[in-house]
Structure formats: C-alpha cells, structure tokens
Amino acid sequence: MARVQTITPCLWFDRQGEEAARFYVSVFEEAGAGPSGIDGVTRHGDVGYEAGGAKPGTALVVSFRLAGQSFAALNGGPQFPFTEAISMMVHCRDQGEVDFFWDRLGQGGGGSEIECGWLKDRYGLCWQIVPERLLQMYTSGDAAGAKRAFAAMTRMKKLDLPTLEKAFAGS
C-alpha cells in the first residue's frame, strides 16, 4: 500500500473551496507542472454534516494535487480568511514560467500584486512566484552578488529574472 503524504496543507475557504481547487488544478495542469488533479470531494449530506446553513450536495472538503503535492480545501465558513502570513511558493525554471504563473494565478479579478514576487489570488491566497535561479543566487556563496540581487528584488512586484541576473553580476 502506498504511503499517504505525511503533511497535507488544508486551505480554509468560506464556500469557494471547490471552485478554487478546480482553478488551481487548471493552472498547474496547463503549465505541465507535474501530476495535478481533483482526487475527491466530500459533500455535505455524504457525511451528515451541515454547518452554517450549507446545503446537502455542496462541497465540504476537496482533496486535490498541484505538481504532485496534496492539498485539502475546506469550506469552513467566513471566520478565518487568508492572510499574508501563509503563502504558496512556486519554483519557476525561467522567466517564461514566472510570467505564466503570475498571469494565471493573478487572473480573474480580486487578486492583487504585492511585492517581491508575491501576489494574492482572487480567493485571497498568497503565492510567491520565484525563479529557482534567484534562490541559487542567494546560496551561491557570493554575498555581495546575493545582496545586490536581493536589493533589486525588493523594488519589484513580479520578479524579472534578467534584471536580477544583472544585479547579481554587478552590471
């Protein structure tokens, strides 16, 4: 028997967990970022649990995967909205992937660009869209180059890898 993933992030939504899970899956599937999909939906009435006036048949918990990582979306009500204290970091191979995830996850209104590669999607969940190369710059052992790259990053919303490379190189 295959082992269940040890840790599964559970994302608390008001009532849009199924819609959000389907949206996230569509973005990661379009990116070809690895196995993504809806694994199952537990609906109100299936388990005899109606809370806050939820109608039988509406989603209670949605199990889904993004790039092989398991998640759960819980429709728990409005009392716990997302904050910037939690974010999902997407490691991107190149600027094309940065642009893709930035554009797709930020689409549909309600989202907002924050800074330093962070954006908030239409459901209020924060994402960090980060080129892997930037993380390599930080751990390269070149402290001066890392400091310059970091300083350049703090002036950006969406990260621009060519500009970060130039800053790292000192040009």
N, C-alpha and C. Protein backbone atom coordinates (compact mmCIF):
# COMPACT_ATOMS: atom_id res chain seq x y z
N MET A 1 0.84 -1.18 0.00
CA MET A 1 0.00 0.00 0.00
C MET A 1 0.89 1.25 0.00
N ALA A 2 0.55 2.21 -0.84
CA ALA A 2 1.32 3.45 -0.93
C ALA A 2 1.10 4.29 0.33
N ARG A 3 2.15 4.91 0.77
CA ARG A 3 2.08 5.74 1.95
C ARG A 3 1.39 7.06 1.62
N VAL A 4 0.55 7.50 2.51
CA VAL A 4 -0.10 8.80 2.38
C VAL A 4 0.95 9.88 2.65
N GLN A 5 0.86 10.97 1.93
CA GLN A 5 1.76 12.09 2.16
C GLN A 5 1.72 12.45 3.64
N THR A 6 2.86 12.72 4.24
CA THR A 6 2.93 12.96 5.67
C THR A 6 2.24 14.25 6.08
N ILE A 7 2.41 15.31 5.32
CA ILE A 7 1.80 16.60 5.65
C ILE A 7 0.99 17.08 4.46
N THR A 8 -0.27 17.39 4.71
CA THR A 8 -1.14 17.93 3.65
C THR A 8 -1.67 19.29 4.11
N PRO A 9 -1.29 20.37 3.43
CA PRO A 9 -1.85 21.67 3.79
C PRO A 9 -3.36 21.68 3.57
N CYS A 10 -4.09 22.19 4.55
CA CYS A 10 -5.54 22.33 4.45
C CYS A 10 -5.84 23.82 4.36
N LEU A 11 -6.43 24.22 3.25
CA LEU A 11 -6.73 25.64 2.99
C LEU A 11 -8.19 25.90 3.35
N TRP A 12 -8.44 26.83 4.23
CA TRP A 12 -9.77 27.15 4.73
C TRP A 12 -10.41 28.21 3.83
N PHE A 13 -11.51 27.87 3.24
CA PHE A 13 -12.28 28.80 2.41
C PHE A 13 -13.63 29.04 3.07
N ASP A 14 -14.30 30.09 2.66
CA ASP A 14 -15.66 30.32 3.11
C ASP A 14 -16.55 29.28 2.46
N ARG A 15 -16.82 29.44 1.17
CA ARG A 15 -17.66 28.49 0.44
C ARG A 15 -17.10 28.15 -0.95
N GLN A 16 -15.95 28.73 -1.32
CA GLN A 16 -15.46 28.57 -2.68
C GLN A 16 -14.30 27.60 -2.82
N GLY A 17 -14.16 26.66 -1.89
CA GLY A 17 -13.05 25.71 -1.92
C GLY A 17 -13.01 24.85 -3.18
N GLU A 18 -14.16 24.35 -3.61
CA GLU A 18 -14.19 23.51 -4.81
C GLU A 18 -13.83 24.33 -6.04
N GLU A 19 -14.38 25.52 -6.15
CA GLU A 19 -14.07 26.41 -7.28
C GLU A 19 -12.58 26.74 -7.29
N ALA A 20 -12.01 27.07 -6.13
CA ALA A 20 -10.60 27.42 -6.04
C ALA A 20 -9.73 26.22 -6.41
N ALA A 21 -10.04 25.04 -5.88
CA ALA A 21 -9.25 23.84 -6.19
C ALA A 21 -9.26 23.57 -7.68
N ARG A 22 -10.42 23.67 -8.32
CA ARG A 22 -10.50 23.44 -9.76
C ARG A 22 -9.69 24.48 -10.53
N PHE A 23 -9.72 25.73 -10.07
CA PHE A 23 -8.93 26.78 -10.71
C PHE A 23 -7.44 26.49 -10.58
N TYR A 24 -6.97 26.18 -9.37
CA TYR A 24 -5.55 25.91 -9.17
C TYR A 24 -5.10 24.71 -10.00
N VAL A 25 -5.90 23.65 -10.02
CA VAL A 25 -5.56 22.47 -10.81
C VAL A 25 -5.44 22.84 -12.28
N SER A 26 -6.36 23.66 -12.79
CA SER A 26 -6.30 24.04 -14.21
C SER A 26 -5.02 24.80 -14.52
N VAL A 27 -4.58 25.67 -13.62
CA VAL A 27 -3.35 26.44 -13.84
C VAL A 27 -2.14 25.50 -13.88
N PHE A 28 -2.04 24.61 -12.91
CA PHE A 28 -0.87 23.72 -12.85
C PHE A 28 -0.89 22.67 -13.95
N GLU A 29 -2.08 22.22 -14.35
CA GLU A 29 -2.17 21.30 -15.50
C GLU A 29 -1.73 21.99 -16.77
N GLU A 30 -2.19 23.23 -16.98
CA GLU A 30 -1.81 23.98 -18.18
C GLU A 30 -0.30 24.20 -18.23
N ALA A 31 0.32 24.38 -17.06
CA ALA A 31 1.77 24.59 -17.00
C ALA A 31 2.55 23.30 -17.23
N GLY A 32 1.86 22.15 -17.15
CA GLY A 32 2.56 20.88 -17.26
C GLY A 32 3.52 20.68 -16.09
N ALA A 33 3.12 21.16 -14.92
CA ALA A 33 3.99 21.19 -13.74
C ALA A 33 3.99 19.91 -12.93
N GLY A 34 3.55 18.81 -13.50
CA GLY A 34 3.51 17.55 -12.77
C GLY A 34 2.09 17.15 -12.46
N PRO A 35 1.92 16.01 -11.80
CA PRO A 35 0.57 15.49 -11.57
C PRO A 35 -0.29 16.45 -10.76
N SER A 36 -1.38 16.87 -11.36
CA SER A 36 -2.33 17.79 -10.72
C SER A 36 -3.73 17.28 -11.01
N GLY A 37 -4.62 17.40 -10.06
CA GLY A 37 -5.98 16.99 -10.29
C GLY A 37 -6.80 16.97 -9.01
N ILE A 38 -8.10 16.81 -9.18
CA ILE A 38 -9.01 16.66 -8.05
C ILE A 38 -9.04 15.17 -7.71
N ASP A 39 -8.75 14.85 -6.46
CA ASP A 39 -8.73 13.45 -6.03
C ASP A 39 -10.06 13.01 -5.43
N GLY A 40 -10.80 13.93 -4.87
CA GLY A 40 -12.08 13.56 -4.28
C GLY A 40 -12.76 14.76 -3.66
N VAL A 41 -14.08 14.66 -3.53
CA VAL A 41 -14.87 15.71 -2.91
C VAL A 41 -15.82 15.06 -1.91
N THR A 42 -15.74 15.49 -0.66
CA THR A 42 -16.70 15.08 0.35
C THR A 42 -17.75 16.17 0.40
N ARG A 43 -18.98 15.79 0.22
CA ARG A 43 -20.06 16.77 0.14
C ARG A 43 -20.93 16.73 1.38
N HIS A 44 -21.50 17.88 1.70
CA HIS A 44 -22.46 17.94 2.80
C HIS A 44 -23.58 16.96 2.50
N GLY A 45 -24.00 16.23 3.49
CA GLY A 45 -25.01 15.21 3.30
C GLY A 45 -24.38 13.84 3.15
N ASP A 46 -23.20 13.76 2.49
CA ASP A 46 -22.50 12.48 2.37
C ASP A 46 -22.05 12.00 3.74
N VAL A 47 -21.67 12.94 4.58
CA VAL A 47 -21.19 12.59 5.90
C VAL A 47 -22.13 13.10 6.99
N GLY A 48 -23.28 13.63 6.57
CA GLY A 48 -24.28 14.09 7.53
C GLY A 48 -23.87 15.33 8.28
N TYR A 49 -23.03 16.17 7.71
CA TYR A 49 -22.55 17.35 8.41
C TYR A 49 -22.92 18.61 7.64
N GLU A 50 -23.89 19.33 8.15
CA GLU A 50 -24.28 20.61 7.57
C GLU A 50 -23.93 21.69 8.59
N ALA A 51 -23.12 22.63 8.20
CA ALA A 51 -22.72 23.71 9.10
C ALA A 51 -23.02 25.04 8.45
N GLY A 52 -23.46 25.97 9.25
CA GLY A 52 -23.69 27.32 8.75
C GLY A 52 -24.66 27.38 7.60
N GLY A 53 -25.62 26.47 7.57
CA GLY A 53 -26.63 26.50 6.53
C GLY A 53 -26.19 25.92 5.20
N ALA A 54 -25.10 25.15 5.19
CA ALA A 54 -24.65 24.53 3.94
C ALA A 54 -25.71 23.55 3.45
N LYS A 55 -25.96 23.59 2.16
CA LYS A 55 -26.97 22.72 1.57
C LYS A 55 -26.37 21.35 1.26
N PRO A 56 -27.16 20.29 1.44
CA PRO A 56 -26.67 18.96 1.04
C PRO A 56 -26.20 18.99 -0.42
N GLY A 57 -25.07 18.34 -0.67
CA GLY A 57 -24.52 18.30 -2.03
C GLY A 57 -23.42 19.30 -2.27
N THR A 58 -23.34 20.35 -1.43
CA THR A 58 -22.25 21.32 -1.61
C THR A 58 -20.97 20.74 -1.02
N ALA A 59 -19.85 21.16 -1.53
CA ALA A 59 -18.56 20.63 -1.10
C ALA A 59 -18.26 21.01 0.34
N LEU A 60 -17.78 20.04 1.09
CA LEU A 60 -17.25 20.28 2.43
C LEU A 60 -15.72 20.27 2.36
N VAL A 61 -15.13 19.19 1.83
CA VAL A 61 -13.69 19.08 1.68
C VAL A 61 -13.37 18.60 0.27
N VAL A 62 -12.41 19.26 -0.37
CA VAL A 62 -11.93 18.86 -1.69
C VAL A 62 -10.47 18.45 -1.54
N SER A 63 -10.16 17.23 -1.94
CA SER A 63 -8.77 16.75 -1.94
C SER A 63 -8.24 16.94 -3.35
N PHE A 64 -7.06 17.59 -3.46
CA PHE A 64 -6.50 17.85 -4.79
C PHE A 64 -4.98 17.86 -4.72
N ARG A 65 -4.36 17.77 -5.90
CA ARG A 65 -2.91 17.79 -6.04
C ARG A 65 -2.50 18.89 -7.00
N LEU A 66 -1.40 19.54 -6.67
CA LEU A 66 -0.76 20.52 -7.55
C LEU A 66 0.70 20.09 -7.67
N ALA A 67 1.12 19.75 -8.88
CA ALA A 67 2.50 19.31 -9.14
C ALA A 67 2.91 18.20 -8.18
N GLY A 68 2.00 17.29 -7.90
CA GLY A 68 2.28 16.15 -7.05
C GLY A 68 2.09 16.39 -5.56
N GLN A 69 1.90 17.63 -5.15
CA GLN A 69 1.71 17.98 -3.74
C GLN A 69 0.23 17.91 -3.40
N SER A 70 -0.12 17.16 -2.36
CA SER A 70 -1.52 17.05 -1.94
C SER A 70 -1.94 18.25 -1.11
N PHE A 71 -3.20 18.65 -1.32
CA PHE A 71 -3.82 19.74 -0.56
C PHE A 71 -5.25 19.33 -0.22
N ALA A 72 -5.82 20.00 0.75
CA ALA A 72 -7.24 19.89 1.02
C ALA A 72 -7.80 21.30 1.05
N ALA A 73 -8.99 21.46 0.48
CA ALA A 73 -9.72 22.73 0.55
C ALA A 73 -10.95 22.47 1.41
N LEU A 74 -11.07 23.18 2.50
CA LEU A 74 -12.18 23.03 3.43
C LEU A 74 -13.09 24.25 3.33
N ASN A 75 -14.36 24.01 3.06
CA ASN A 75 -15.33 25.10 3.10
C ASN A 75 -15.82 25.21 4.54
N GLY A 76 -15.14 26.03 5.32
CA GLY A 76 -15.41 26.12 6.75
C GLY A 76 -16.19 27.34 7.18
N GLY A 77 -16.42 28.28 6.27
CA GLY A 77 -17.13 29.49 6.64
C GLY A 77 -16.22 30.71 6.62
N PRO A 78 -16.79 31.88 6.85
CA PRO A 78 -16.05 33.13 6.66
C PRO A 78 -15.16 33.56 7.83
N GLN A 79 -15.16 32.81 8.92
CA GLN A 79 -14.48 33.32 10.11
C GLN A 79 -12.96 33.36 10.03
N PHE A 80 -12.32 32.63 9.09
CA PHE A 80 -10.86 32.61 9.02
C PHE A 80 -10.37 32.90 7.60
N PRO A 81 -10.31 34.16 7.20
CA PRO A 81 -9.81 34.48 5.85
C PRO A 81 -8.29 34.31 5.79
N PHE A 82 -7.79 34.13 4.57
CA PHE A 82 -6.35 34.04 4.35
C PHE A 82 -5.68 35.35 4.70
N THR A 83 -4.42 35.26 5.13
CA THR A 83 -3.59 36.45 5.32
C THR A 83 -2.24 36.19 4.65
N GLU A 84 -1.42 37.21 4.59
CA GLU A 84 -0.09 37.09 4.00
C GLU A 84 0.84 36.24 4.88
N ALA A 85 0.38 35.85 6.06
CA ALA A 85 1.22 35.04 6.95
C ALA A 85 1.47 33.64 6.37
N ILE A 86 0.65 33.21 5.44
CA ILE A 86 0.83 31.92 4.77
C ILE A 86 0.84 32.16 3.26
N SER A 87 1.78 31.54 2.58
CA SER A 87 1.81 31.66 1.12
C SER A 87 2.30 30.34 0.52
N MET A 88 2.00 30.15 -0.75
CA MET A 88 2.47 29.01 -1.50
C MET A 88 3.58 29.50 -2.42
N MET A 89 4.76 28.87 -2.35
CA MET A 89 5.87 29.28 -3.18
C MET A 89 5.93 28.37 -4.41
N VAL A 90 5.93 28.99 -5.59
CA VAL A 90 6.04 28.26 -6.85
C VAL A 90 7.45 28.49 -7.38
N HIS A 91 8.22 27.41 -7.48
CA HIS A 91 9.58 27.48 -8.02
C HIS A 91 9.50 27.40 -9.55
N CYS A 92 10.04 28.42 -10.21
CA CYS A 92 9.95 28.51 -11.68
C CYS A 92 11.33 28.33 -12.30
N ARG A 93 11.34 27.60 -13.42
CA ARG A 93 12.61 27.32 -14.12
C ARG A 93 13.18 28.55 -14.81
N ASP A 94 12.30 29.43 -15.30
CA ASP A 94 12.78 30.56 -16.11
C ASP A 94 11.74 31.68 -16.07
N GLN A 95 12.04 32.76 -16.79
CA GLN A 95 11.14 33.91 -16.79
C GLN A 95 9.79 33.56 -17.41
N GLY A 96 9.79 32.68 -18.39
CA GLY A 96 8.53 32.26 -19.00
C GLY A 96 7.59 31.63 -17.98
N GLU A 97 8.12 30.79 -17.10
CA GLU A 97 7.28 30.19 -16.05
C GLU A 97 6.85 31.24 -15.04
N VAL A 98 7.74 32.16 -14.70
CA VAL A 98 7.36 33.25 -13.79
C VAL A 98 6.17 34.00 -14.39
N ASP A 99 6.29 34.39 -15.65
CA ASP A 99 5.22 35.13 -16.32
C ASP A 99 3.93 34.32 -16.35
N PHE A 100 4.03 33.02 -16.67
CA PHE A 100 2.85 32.17 -16.77
C PHE A 100 2.10 32.11 -15.44
N PHE A 101 2.81 31.72 -14.37
CA PHE A 101 2.14 31.57 -13.07
C PHE A 101 1.64 32.90 -12.54
N TRP A 102 2.40 33.96 -12.75
CA TRP A 102 2.00 35.29 -12.30
C TRP A 102 0.69 35.70 -12.98
N ASP A 103 0.66 35.52 -14.29
CA ASP A 103 -0.53 35.91 -15.04
C ASP A 103 -1.73 35.05 -14.70
N ARG A 104 -1.55 33.72 -14.63
CA ARG A 104 -2.69 32.82 -14.41
C ARG A 104 -3.24 32.91 -12.99
N LEU A 105 -2.34 32.88 -12.00
CA LEU A 105 -2.82 32.91 -10.62
C LEU A 105 -3.39 34.27 -10.26
N GLY A 106 -2.94 35.31 -10.93
CA GLY A 106 -3.47 36.65 -10.67
C GLY A 106 -4.70 37.01 -11.47
N GLN A 107 -5.13 36.14 -12.38
CA GLN A 107 -6.24 36.46 -13.27
C GLN A 107 -7.59 36.37 -12.58
N GLY A 108 -8.57 36.95 -13.22
CA GLY A 108 -9.94 36.79 -12.78
C GLY A 108 -10.42 37.82 -11.78
N GLY A 109 -9.68 38.87 -11.58
CA GLY A 109 -10.13 39.90 -10.67
C GLY A 109 -10.02 39.49 -9.22
N GLY A 110 -10.03 40.44 -8.35
CA GLY A 110 -9.96 40.16 -6.94
C GLY A 110 -8.55 39.92 -6.44
N GLY A 111 -7.64 39.60 -7.35
CA GLY A 111 -6.27 39.37 -6.97
C GLY A 111 -5.51 40.68 -6.90
N SER A 112 -4.33 40.63 -6.31
CA SER A 112 -3.52 41.85 -6.26
C SER A 112 -2.04 41.48 -6.24
N GLU A 113 -1.26 42.32 -6.88
CA GLU A 113 0.19 42.18 -6.85
C GLU A 113 0.66 42.78 -5.53
N ILE A 114 1.54 42.10 -4.87
CA ILE A 114 2.02 42.62 -3.60
C ILE A 114 3.41 43.19 -3.86
N GLU A 115 4.46 42.47 -3.57
CA GLU A 115 5.83 42.89 -3.86
C GLU A 115 6.74 41.69 -3.72
N CYS A 116 7.94 41.82 -4.24
CA CYS A 116 8.98 40.79 -4.10
C CYS A 116 8.53 39.43 -4.61
N GLY A 117 7.72 39.42 -5.69
CA GLY A 117 7.28 38.17 -6.28
C GLY A 117 6.04 37.58 -5.64
N TRP A 118 5.39 38.31 -4.77
CA TRP A 118 4.17 37.84 -4.10
C TRP A 118 2.94 38.41 -4.81
N LEU A 119 1.92 37.57 -4.90
CA LEU A 119 0.62 38.06 -5.36
C LEU A 119 -0.47 37.36 -4.57
N LYS A 120 -1.61 38.01 -4.50
CA LYS A 120 -2.77 37.44 -3.83
C LYS A 120 -3.78 37.12 -4.91
N ASP A 121 -4.29 35.88 -4.92
CA ASP A 121 -5.24 35.49 -5.95
C ASP A 121 -6.66 35.93 -5.58
N ARG A 122 -7.60 35.66 -6.46
CA ARG A 122 -8.99 36.12 -6.26
C ARG A 122 -9.66 35.49 -5.05
N TYR A 123 -9.08 34.43 -4.50
CA TYR A 123 -9.63 33.78 -3.31
C TYR A 123 -8.95 34.29 -2.03
N GLY A 124 -7.94 35.14 -2.19
CA GLY A 124 -7.24 35.70 -1.05
C GLY A 124 -5.98 34.96 -0.65
N LEU A 125 -5.65 33.85 -1.35
CA LEU A 125 -4.46 33.07 -1.03
C LEU A 125 -3.23 33.74 -1.65
N CYS A 126 -2.16 33.84 -0.88
CA CYS A 126 -0.92 34.46 -1.36
C CYS A 126 -0.01 33.41 -1.99
N TRP A 127 0.64 33.80 -3.05
CA TRP A 127 1.57 32.96 -3.80
C TRP A 127 2.88 33.73 -3.95
N GLN A 128 3.99 33.03 -3.85
CA GLN A 128 5.30 33.59 -4.18
C GLN A 128 5.74 32.92 -5.48
N ILE A 129 5.92 33.73 -6.51
CA ILE A 129 6.31 33.21 -7.83
C ILE A 129 7.79 33.54 -7.99
N VAL A 130 8.63 32.51 -7.82
CA VAL A 130 10.07 32.73 -7.66
C VAL A 130 10.88 31.91 -8.66
N PRO A 131 11.76 32.56 -9.43
CA PRO A 131 12.65 31.78 -10.28
C PRO A 131 13.66 31.03 -9.42
N GLU A 132 13.88 29.74 -9.72
CA GLU A 132 14.85 28.94 -8.97
C GLU A 132 16.23 29.60 -8.97
N ARG A 133 16.54 30.27 -10.05
CA ARG A 133 17.85 30.92 -10.18
C ARG A 133 18.07 31.94 -9.06
N LEU A 134 17.02 32.64 -8.65
CA LEU A 134 17.17 33.62 -7.56
C LEU A 134 17.59 32.91 -6.27
N LEU A 135 16.99 31.78 -6.00
CA LEU A 135 17.35 31.03 -4.80
C LEU A 135 18.80 30.55 -4.89
N GLN A 136 19.24 30.21 -6.11
CA GLN A 136 20.64 29.82 -6.31
C GLN A 136 21.58 31.00 -6.06
N MET A 137 21.15 32.19 -6.47
CA MET A 137 21.97 33.38 -6.22
C MET A 137 22.17 33.58 -4.72
N TYR A 138 21.11 33.39 -3.95
CA TYR A 138 21.18 33.60 -2.50
C TYR A 138 22.09 32.60 -1.81
N THR A 139 22.24 31.42 -2.36
CA THR A 139 23.04 30.37 -1.72
C THR A 139 24.36 30.12 -2.45
N SER A 140 24.74 31.01 -3.35
CA SER A 140 25.93 30.80 -4.19
C SER A 140 27.25 30.98 -3.45
N GLY A 141 27.22 31.63 -2.32
CA GLY A 141 28.47 31.95 -1.64
C GLY A 141 28.99 33.33 -2.00
N ASP A 142 28.38 33.97 -3.01
CA ASP A 142 28.74 35.33 -3.41
C ASP A 142 27.85 36.29 -2.64
N ALA A 143 28.30 36.67 -1.44
CA ALA A 143 27.47 37.51 -0.56
C ALA A 143 27.15 38.87 -1.18
N ALA A 144 28.12 39.48 -1.85
CA ALA A 144 27.88 40.79 -2.47
C ALA A 144 26.85 40.67 -3.59
N GLY A 145 27.00 39.64 -4.43
CA GLY A 145 26.04 39.43 -5.52
C GLY A 145 24.65 39.14 -4.98
N ALA A 146 24.56 38.31 -3.94
CA ALA A 146 23.26 37.99 -3.34
C ALA A 146 22.61 39.24 -2.77
N LYS A 147 23.42 40.09 -2.16
CA LYS A 147 22.89 41.34 -1.59
C LYS A 147 22.35 42.25 -2.69
N ARG A 148 23.06 42.34 -3.80
CA ARG A 148 22.58 43.17 -4.92
C ARG A 148 21.30 42.58 -5.52
N ALA A 149 21.25 41.26 -5.67
CA ALA A 149 20.03 40.62 -6.22
C ALA A 149 18.86 40.84 -5.27
N PHE A 150 19.11 40.71 -3.98
CA PHE A 150 18.05 40.93 -3.00
C PHE A 150 17.54 42.37 -3.07
N ALA A 151 18.45 43.33 -3.16
CA ALA A 151 18.06 44.74 -3.25
C ALA A 151 17.23 44.99 -4.51
N ALA A 152 17.61 44.38 -5.63
CA ALA A 152 16.84 44.53 -6.87
C ALA A 152 15.45 43.90 -6.70
N MET A 153 15.38 42.75 -6.06
CA MET A 153 14.09 42.07 -5.87
C MET A 153 13.13 42.93 -5.05
N THR A 154 13.63 43.64 -4.06
CA THR A 154 12.74 44.42 -3.19
C THR A 154 12.08 45.59 -3.92
N ARG A 155 12.57 45.93 -5.10
CA ARG A 155 11.97 47.01 -5.89
C ARG A 155 10.97 46.49 -6.92
N MET A 156 10.71 45.19 -6.93
CA MET A 156 9.84 44.58 -7.95
C MET A 156 8.54 44.08 -7.34
N LYS A 157 7.55 43.97 -8.18
CA LYS A 157 6.35 43.20 -7.84
C LYS A 157 6.57 41.83 -8.47
N LYS A 158 6.28 41.68 -9.77
CA LYS A 158 6.62 40.43 -10.46
C LYS A 158 8.13 40.41 -10.64
N LEU A 159 8.76 39.27 -10.34
CA LEU A 159 10.21 39.18 -10.44
C LEU A 159 10.64 39.10 -11.90
N ASP A 160 11.69 39.85 -12.20
CA ASP A 160 12.25 39.94 -13.55
C ASP A 160 13.64 39.32 -13.49
N LEU A 161 13.75 38.09 -13.96
CA LEU A 161 14.99 37.33 -13.85
C LEU A 161 16.17 38.01 -14.55
N PRO A 162 16.03 38.54 -15.78
CA PRO A 162 17.18 39.20 -16.40
C PRO A 162 17.71 40.37 -15.55
N THR A 163 16.82 41.13 -14.95
CA THR A 163 17.24 42.25 -14.10
C THR A 163 17.93 41.73 -12.83
N LEU A 164 17.41 40.65 -12.28
CA LEU A 164 18.03 40.05 -11.10
C LEU A 164 19.43 39.52 -11.42
N GLU A 165 19.56 38.90 -12.59
CA GLU A 165 20.88 38.38 -13.04
C GLU A 165 21.88 39.52 -13.16
N LYS A 166 21.45 40.64 -13.76
CA LYS A 166 22.34 41.79 -13.92
C LYS A 166 22.77 42.34 -12.56
N ALA A 167 21.83 42.43 -11.64
CA ALA A 167 22.15 42.93 -10.31
C ALA A 167 23.14 42.00 -9.62
N PHE A 168 22.90 40.70 -9.72
CA PHE A 168 23.78 39.71 -9.11
C PHE A 168 25.21 39.83 -9.65
N ALA A 169 25.31 40.04 -10.96
CA ALA A 169 26.62 40.15 -11.62
C ALA A 169 27.28 41.49 -11.36
N GLY A 170 26.51 42.45 -10.86
CA GLY A 170 27.07 43.78 -10.61
C GLY A 170 27.10 44.66 -11.82
N SER A 171 26.30 44.33 -12.83
CA SER A 171 26.30 45.17 -14.05
C SER A 171 25.02 45.95 -14.18
